[in-house]
C-alpha cells in the first residue's frame, strides 16, 4: 500500500472543505439559515413584548389603578392606561419594523454582494 505525503493530504482536505463550504453557503443562507434567522427574530419580538409588558397592560386596561374605584379614579386610570398601551404599542411596532428591515437585508445583501462582484469583474 502506497502512503501519501501528509502535506498533500492536508492541502486536499482544506481545498475540499473550502470548495464544499463555498458551494453550500448559498443553499444554507436561503434555507436553514433563513429559518434560524426568522426564529430568532420571532423570539426577539416576543421577548421585547414581554419586557415592555404590553399584554399585561391590555389585560388590566379597564381595572382601576391603586384600588381607586370612584369615578375619577376609574377615568384617570383609563386615560393613563390608554396612553401607556398606545406608547407600548408604538414601541412594539417600531421594533417589529426594525426586525422586518433586518429580514429584508438578510435576503437582499448577499444578492447585492454578488451583483457588486459581477460588476467589478465583468
N, C-alpha and C. Protein backbone atom coordinates (compact mmCIF):
# COMPACT_ATOMS: atom_id res chain seq x y z
N UNK A 1 0.84 -1.17 0.00
CA UNK A 1 0.00 0.00 0.00
C UNK A 1 0.89 1.24 0.00
N UNK A 2 0.55 2.15 -0.82
CA UNK A 2 1.34 3.36 -1.00
C UNK A 2 0.79 4.46 -0.08
N UNK A 3 1.65 5.03 0.74
CA UNK A 3 1.20 6.11 1.63
C UNK A 3 1.45 7.46 0.96
N UNK A 4 0.54 8.38 1.25
CA UNK A 4 0.67 9.70 0.65
C UNK A 4 1.33 10.66 1.62
N UNK A 5 1.87 11.68 1.06
CA UNK A 5 2.51 12.72 1.83
C UNK A 5 1.45 13.45 2.69
N UNK A 6 1.70 13.65 3.98
CA UNK A 6 0.73 14.35 4.83
C UNK A 6 0.43 15.77 4.36
N UNK A 7 1.40 16.43 3.78
CA UNK A 7 1.19 17.78 3.26
C UNK A 7 0.18 17.79 2.13
N UNK A 8 0.29 16.81 1.24
CA UNK A 8 -0.65 16.71 0.12
C UNK A 8 -2.04 16.38 0.64
N UNK A 9 -2.12 15.48 1.61
CA UNK A 9 -3.42 15.15 2.20
C UNK A 9 -4.05 16.37 2.86
N UNK A 10 -3.26 17.17 3.54
CA UNK A 10 -3.78 18.37 4.19
C UNK A 10 -4.30 19.37 3.16
N UNK A 11 -3.57 19.57 2.08
CA UNK A 11 -3.99 20.50 1.03
C UNK A 11 -5.28 20.02 0.39
N UNK A 12 -5.38 18.71 0.13
CA UNK A 12 -6.60 18.16 -0.45
C UNK A 12 -7.79 18.37 0.49
N UNK A 13 -7.57 18.11 1.77
CA UNK A 13 -8.65 18.26 2.74
C UNK A 13 -9.13 19.70 2.82
N UNK A 14 -8.18 20.64 2.91
CA UNK A 14 -8.54 22.06 3.03
C UNK A 14 -9.25 22.53 1.75
N UNK A 15 -8.74 22.14 0.59
CA UNK A 15 -9.36 22.54 -0.67
C UNK A 15 -10.78 21.98 -0.77
N UNK A 16 -10.95 20.72 -0.39
CA UNK A 16 -12.27 20.10 -0.45
C UNK A 16 -13.24 20.80 0.50
N UNK A 17 -12.79 21.13 1.71
CA UNK A 17 -13.65 21.81 2.68
C UNK A 17 -14.00 23.22 2.20
N UNK A 18 -13.02 23.93 1.66
CA UNK A 18 -13.27 25.29 1.18
C UNK A 18 -14.28 25.29 0.04
N UNK A 19 -14.06 24.43 -0.94
CA UNK A 19 -14.97 24.37 -2.09
C UNK A 19 -16.36 23.93 -1.63
N UNK A 20 -16.42 22.95 -0.75
CA UNK A 20 -17.71 22.49 -0.25
C UNK A 20 -18.45 23.57 0.51
N UNK A 21 -17.73 24.32 1.36
CA UNK A 21 -18.37 25.40 2.11
C UNK A 21 -18.83 26.53 1.19
N UNK A 22 -18.03 26.88 0.22
CA UNK A 22 -18.40 27.96 -0.70
C UNK A 22 -19.63 27.56 -1.52
N UNK A 23 -19.70 26.31 -1.94
CA UNK A 23 -20.85 25.87 -2.73
C UNK A 23 -22.09 25.67 -1.87
N UNK A 24 -21.91 25.29 -0.60
CA UNK A 24 -23.06 25.04 0.28
C UNK A 24 -23.61 26.33 0.88
N UNK A 25 -22.80 27.36 0.95
CA UNK A 25 -23.21 28.59 1.63
C UNK A 25 -24.51 29.18 1.10
N UNK A 26 -24.71 29.36 -0.21
CA UNK A 26 -25.98 29.96 -0.67
C UNK A 26 -27.19 29.08 -0.33
N UNK A 27 -27.02 27.80 -0.40
CA UNK A 27 -28.11 26.89 -0.05
C UNK A 27 -28.46 27.03 1.42
N UNK A 28 -27.45 27.08 2.29
CA UNK A 28 -27.70 27.24 3.72
C UNK A 28 -28.31 28.60 4.01
N UNK A 29 -27.80 29.67 3.39
CA UNK A 29 -28.24 31.04 3.68
C UNK A 29 -29.74 31.21 3.44
N UNK A 30 -30.22 30.64 2.34
CA UNK A 30 -31.62 30.83 1.98
C UNK A 30 -32.52 29.66 2.41
N UNK A 31 -31.99 28.70 3.16
CA UNK A 31 -32.84 27.61 3.66
C UNK A 31 -32.75 27.56 5.19
N UNK A 32 -31.86 26.76 5.71
CA UNK A 32 -31.76 26.59 7.17
C UNK A 32 -31.33 27.87 7.88
N UNK A 33 -30.43 28.61 7.28
CA UNK A 33 -30.00 29.87 7.87
C UNK A 33 -31.15 30.87 7.94
N UNK A 34 -31.98 30.92 6.90
CA UNK A 34 -33.13 31.82 6.90
C UNK A 34 -34.15 31.42 7.96
N UNK A 35 -34.40 30.12 8.08
CA UNK A 35 -35.35 29.63 9.09
C UNK A 35 -34.84 29.97 10.49
N UNK A 36 -33.56 29.75 10.74
CA UNK A 36 -32.98 30.09 12.05
C UNK A 36 -33.07 31.60 12.32
N UNK A 37 -32.81 32.39 11.29
CA UNK A 37 -32.87 33.84 11.43
C UNK A 37 -34.29 34.29 11.77
N UNK A 38 -35.28 33.73 11.09
CA UNK A 38 -36.68 34.09 11.35
C UNK A 38 -37.08 33.67 12.76
N UNK A 39 -36.67 32.48 13.18
CA UNK A 39 -36.98 32.03 14.54
C UNK A 39 -36.39 32.97 15.59
N UNK A 40 -35.18 33.43 15.36
CA UNK A 40 -34.54 34.37 16.30
C UNK A 40 -35.26 35.72 16.30
N UNK A 41 -35.71 36.17 15.15
CA UNK A 41 -36.45 37.43 15.08
C UNK A 41 -37.77 37.31 15.84
N UNK A 42 -38.48 36.19 15.67
CA UNK A 42 -39.75 35.98 16.36
C UNK A 42 -39.52 35.91 17.86
N UNK A 43 -38.48 35.21 18.28
CA UNK A 43 -38.16 35.13 19.70
C UNK A 43 -37.82 36.51 20.25
N UNK A 44 -37.09 37.29 19.49
CA UNK A 44 -36.75 38.65 19.92
C UNK A 44 -37.99 39.53 20.06
N UNK A 45 -38.94 39.38 19.14
CA UNK A 45 -40.17 40.17 19.21
C UNK A 45 -40.98 39.78 20.43
N UNK A 46 -41.12 38.49 20.68
CA UNK A 46 -41.90 38.06 21.85
C UNK A 46 -41.22 38.47 23.16
N UNK A 47 -39.89 38.39 23.20
CA UNK A 47 -39.17 38.82 24.40
C UNK A 47 -39.30 40.33 24.61
N UNK A 48 -39.26 41.09 23.52
CA UNK A 48 -39.43 42.54 23.65
C UNK A 48 -40.82 42.87 24.17
N UNK A 49 -41.83 42.17 23.65
CA UNK A 49 -43.20 42.40 24.12
C UNK A 49 -43.33 42.06 25.60
N UNK A 50 -42.70 40.97 26.02
CA UNK A 50 -42.73 40.61 27.44
C UNK A 50 -42.01 41.66 28.28
N UNK A 51 -40.92 42.21 27.78
CA UNK A 51 -40.16 43.21 28.53
C UNK A 51 -40.94 44.50 28.70
N UNK A 52 -41.66 44.93 27.68
CA UNK A 52 -42.42 46.17 27.83
C UNK A 52 -43.78 45.93 28.49
N UNK A 53 -44.23 44.69 28.55
CA UNK A 53 -45.46 44.33 29.27
C UNK A 53 -46.74 44.79 28.62
N UNK A 54 -46.78 44.84 27.30
CA UNK A 54 -47.97 45.31 26.60
C UNK A 54 -49.18 44.43 26.89
N UNK A 55 -49.01 43.12 26.90
CA UNK A 55 -50.13 42.20 27.15
C UNK A 55 -50.73 42.44 28.53
N UNK A 56 -49.90 42.65 29.52
CA UNK A 56 -50.39 42.89 30.89
C UNK A 56 -51.18 44.19 30.94
N UNK A 57 -50.70 45.22 30.26
CA UNK A 57 -51.42 46.48 30.23
C UNK A 57 -52.78 46.33 29.55
N UNK A 58 -52.83 45.55 28.45
CA UNK A 58 -54.10 45.34 27.75
C UNK A 58 -55.06 44.54 28.62
N UNK A 59 -54.57 43.52 29.29
CA UNK A 59 -55.43 42.70 30.16
C UNK A 59 -56.02 43.54 31.29
N UNK A 60 -55.23 44.43 31.86
CA UNK A 60 -55.67 45.23 33.00
C UNK A 60 -56.17 46.62 32.60
N UNK A 61 -56.52 46.81 31.35
CA UNK A 61 -56.88 48.12 30.84
C UNK A 61 -58.06 48.75 31.58
N UNK A 62 -59.10 47.97 31.83
CA UNK A 62 -60.30 48.55 32.44
C UNK A 62 -60.30 48.50 33.97
N UNK A 63 -59.27 47.94 34.56
CA UNK A 63 -59.20 47.87 36.02
C UNK A 63 -58.63 49.17 36.58
N UNK A 64 -59.21 49.68 37.63
CA UNK A 64 -58.69 50.93 38.21
C UNK A 64 -57.31 50.73 38.84
N UNK A 65 -56.50 51.76 38.73
CA UNK A 65 -55.16 51.72 39.31
C UNK A 65 -55.24 52.09 40.79
N UNK A 66 -54.40 51.51 41.60
CA UNK A 66 -54.24 51.82 43.01
C UNK A 66 -55.54 51.62 43.81
N UNK A 67 -56.46 50.78 43.32
CA UNK A 67 -57.67 50.49 44.07
C UNK A 67 -58.63 51.66 44.15
N UNK A 68 -58.51 52.62 43.28
CA UNK A 68 -59.40 53.79 43.27
C UNK A 68 -60.66 53.45 42.48
N UNK A 69 -61.74 53.11 43.17
CA UNK A 69 -62.95 52.67 42.49
C UNK A 69 -63.97 53.80 42.34
N UNK A 70 -63.62 55.03 42.67
CA UNK A 70 -64.54 56.13 42.41
C UNK A 70 -64.45 56.52 40.94
N UNK A 71 -65.36 57.32 40.46
CA UNK A 71 -65.43 57.65 39.03
C UNK A 71 -64.17 58.37 38.54
N UNK A 72 -63.64 59.26 39.36
CA UNK A 72 -62.43 60.00 38.96
C UNK A 72 -61.24 59.04 38.85
N UNK A 73 -61.11 58.13 39.80
CA UNK A 73 -60.01 57.16 39.77
C UNK A 73 -60.10 56.25 38.56
N UNK A 74 -61.32 55.84 38.23
CA UNK A 74 -61.51 54.97 37.06
C UNK A 74 -61.19 55.71 35.77
N UNK A 75 -61.62 56.96 35.66
CA UNK A 75 -61.34 57.73 34.44
C UNK A 75 -59.85 58.03 34.28
N UNK A 76 -59.22 58.41 35.36
CA UNK A 76 -57.77 58.69 35.30
C UNK A 76 -57.01 57.41 34.93
N UNK A 77 -57.38 56.30 35.54
CA UNK A 77 -56.73 55.02 35.23
C UNK A 77 -56.94 54.65 33.77
N UNK A 78 -58.15 54.85 33.26
CA UNK A 78 -58.46 54.51 31.88
C UNK A 78 -57.62 55.36 30.91
N UNK A 79 -57.52 56.66 31.19
CA UNK A 79 -56.74 57.54 30.32
C UNK A 79 -55.26 57.18 30.38
N UNK A 80 -54.73 56.99 31.57
CA UNK A 80 -53.30 56.67 31.72
C UNK A 80 -52.98 55.34 31.06
N UNK A 81 -53.81 54.35 31.28
CA UNK A 81 -53.54 53.04 30.66
C UNK A 81 -53.70 53.09 29.16
N UNK A 82 -54.65 53.88 28.67
CA UNK A 82 -54.80 54.02 27.22
C UNK A 82 -53.55 54.64 26.63
N UNK A 83 -53.04 55.68 27.25
CA UNK A 83 -51.80 56.29 26.77
C UNK A 83 -50.62 55.31 26.86
N UNK A 84 -50.57 54.54 27.96
CA UNK A 84 -49.50 53.56 28.12
C UNK A 84 -49.57 52.46 27.06
N UNK A 85 -50.78 52.00 26.78
CA UNK A 85 -50.96 50.97 25.75
C UNK A 85 -50.58 51.52 24.39
N UNK A 86 -50.97 52.75 24.12
CA UNK A 86 -50.60 53.38 22.84
C UNK A 86 -49.08 53.48 22.72
N UNK A 87 -48.43 53.97 23.76
CA UNK A 87 -46.97 54.14 23.73
C UNK A 87 -46.26 52.79 23.58
N UNK A 88 -46.68 51.80 24.34
CA UNK A 88 -46.04 50.49 24.27
C UNK A 88 -46.32 49.82 22.93
N UNK A 89 -47.52 50.02 22.39
CA UNK A 89 -47.83 49.50 21.06
C UNK A 89 -46.98 50.15 19.99
N UNK A 90 -46.75 51.45 20.13
CA UNK A 90 -45.88 52.16 19.19
C UNK A 90 -44.45 51.62 19.27
N UNK A 91 -43.97 51.39 20.48
CA UNK A 91 -42.63 50.81 20.65
C UNK A 91 -42.54 49.44 19.97
N UNK A 92 -43.56 48.63 20.17
CA UNK A 92 -43.57 47.29 19.58
C UNK A 92 -43.60 47.38 18.05
N UNK A 93 -44.36 48.30 17.51
CA UNK A 93 -44.43 48.45 16.05
C UNK A 93 -43.08 48.89 15.47
N UNK A 94 -42.40 49.80 16.15
CA UNK A 94 -41.08 50.23 15.68
C UNK A 94 -40.10 49.06 15.74
N UNK A 95 -40.14 48.29 16.82
CA UNK A 95 -39.26 47.13 16.95
C UNK A 95 -39.58 46.10 15.86
N UNK A 96 -40.86 45.90 15.60
CA UNK A 96 -41.27 44.97 14.55
C UNK A 96 -40.79 45.45 13.19
N UNK A 97 -40.88 46.74 12.93
CA UNK A 97 -40.39 47.30 11.67
C UNK A 97 -38.89 47.08 11.52
N UNK A 98 -38.14 47.26 12.60
CA UNK A 98 -36.69 47.02 12.55
C UNK A 98 -36.41 45.56 12.23
N UNK A 99 -37.18 44.65 12.82
CA UNK A 99 -36.97 43.22 12.57
C UNK A 99 -37.30 42.87 11.11
N UNK A 100 -38.33 43.48 10.55
CA UNK A 100 -38.67 43.23 9.14
C UNK A 100 -37.58 43.78 8.24
N UNK A 101 -37.04 44.94 8.58
CA UNK A 101 -35.94 45.50 7.78
C UNK A 101 -34.72 44.58 7.84
N UNK A 102 -34.43 44.04 9.02
CA UNK A 102 -33.31 43.09 9.14
C UNK A 102 -33.55 41.85 8.29
N UNK A 103 -34.78 41.36 8.24
CA UNK A 103 -35.10 40.20 7.40
C UNK A 103 -34.91 40.52 5.93
N UNK A 104 -35.35 41.69 5.51
CA UNK A 104 -35.16 42.08 4.11
C UNK A 104 -33.67 42.20 3.79
N UNK A 105 -32.90 42.77 4.71
CA UNK A 105 -31.45 42.85 4.50
C UNK A 105 -30.82 41.47 4.41
N UNK A 106 -31.29 40.53 5.25
CA UNK A 106 -30.78 39.16 5.21
C UNK A 106 -30.99 38.56 3.82
N UNK A 107 -32.10 38.88 3.21
CA UNK A 107 -32.41 38.31 1.90
C UNK A 107 -31.69 39.04 0.76
N UNK A 108 -31.48 40.34 0.89
CA UNK A 108 -31.01 41.15 -0.23
C UNK A 108 -29.49 41.34 -0.26
N UNK A 109 -28.86 41.47 0.90
CA UNK A 109 -27.43 41.81 0.93
C UNK A 109 -26.55 40.82 0.17
N UNK A 110 -26.75 39.49 0.31
CA UNK A 110 -25.90 38.59 -0.49
C UNK A 110 -26.09 38.78 -1.99
N UNK A 111 -27.32 39.05 -2.41
CA UNK A 111 -27.55 39.29 -3.83
C UNK A 111 -26.86 40.57 -4.30
N UNK A 112 -26.89 41.60 -3.45
CA UNK A 112 -26.18 42.84 -3.79
C UNK A 112 -24.67 42.63 -3.83
N UNK A 113 -24.16 41.79 -2.95
CA UNK A 113 -22.73 41.49 -2.94
C UNK A 113 -22.33 40.76 -4.23
N UNK A 114 -23.12 39.80 -4.63
CA UNK A 114 -22.83 39.07 -5.88
C UNK A 114 -22.93 40.02 -7.07
N UNK A 115 -23.94 40.88 -7.06
CA UNK A 115 -24.08 41.87 -8.13
C UNK A 115 -22.87 42.80 -8.17
N UNK A 116 -22.42 43.26 -6.99
CA UNK A 116 -21.25 44.13 -6.94
C UNK A 116 -19.99 43.45 -7.45
N UNK A 117 -19.82 42.20 -7.07
CA UNK A 117 -18.66 41.44 -7.59
C UNK A 117 -18.76 41.25 -9.09
N UNK A 118 -19.94 40.97 -9.58
CA UNK A 118 -20.16 40.78 -11.02
C UNK A 118 -19.81 42.07 -11.76
N UNK A 119 -20.28 43.21 -11.24
CA UNK A 119 -19.99 44.49 -11.88
C UNK A 119 -18.50 44.82 -11.82
N UNK A 120 -17.83 44.41 -10.74
CA UNK A 120 -16.41 44.71 -10.57
C UNK A 120 -15.56 43.96 -11.59
N UNK A 121 -15.93 42.72 -11.84
CA UNK A 121 -15.08 41.88 -12.69
C UNK A 121 -15.52 41.78 -14.14
N UNK A 122 -16.77 42.14 -14.42
CA UNK A 122 -17.23 41.99 -15.81
C UNK A 122 -17.78 43.27 -16.33
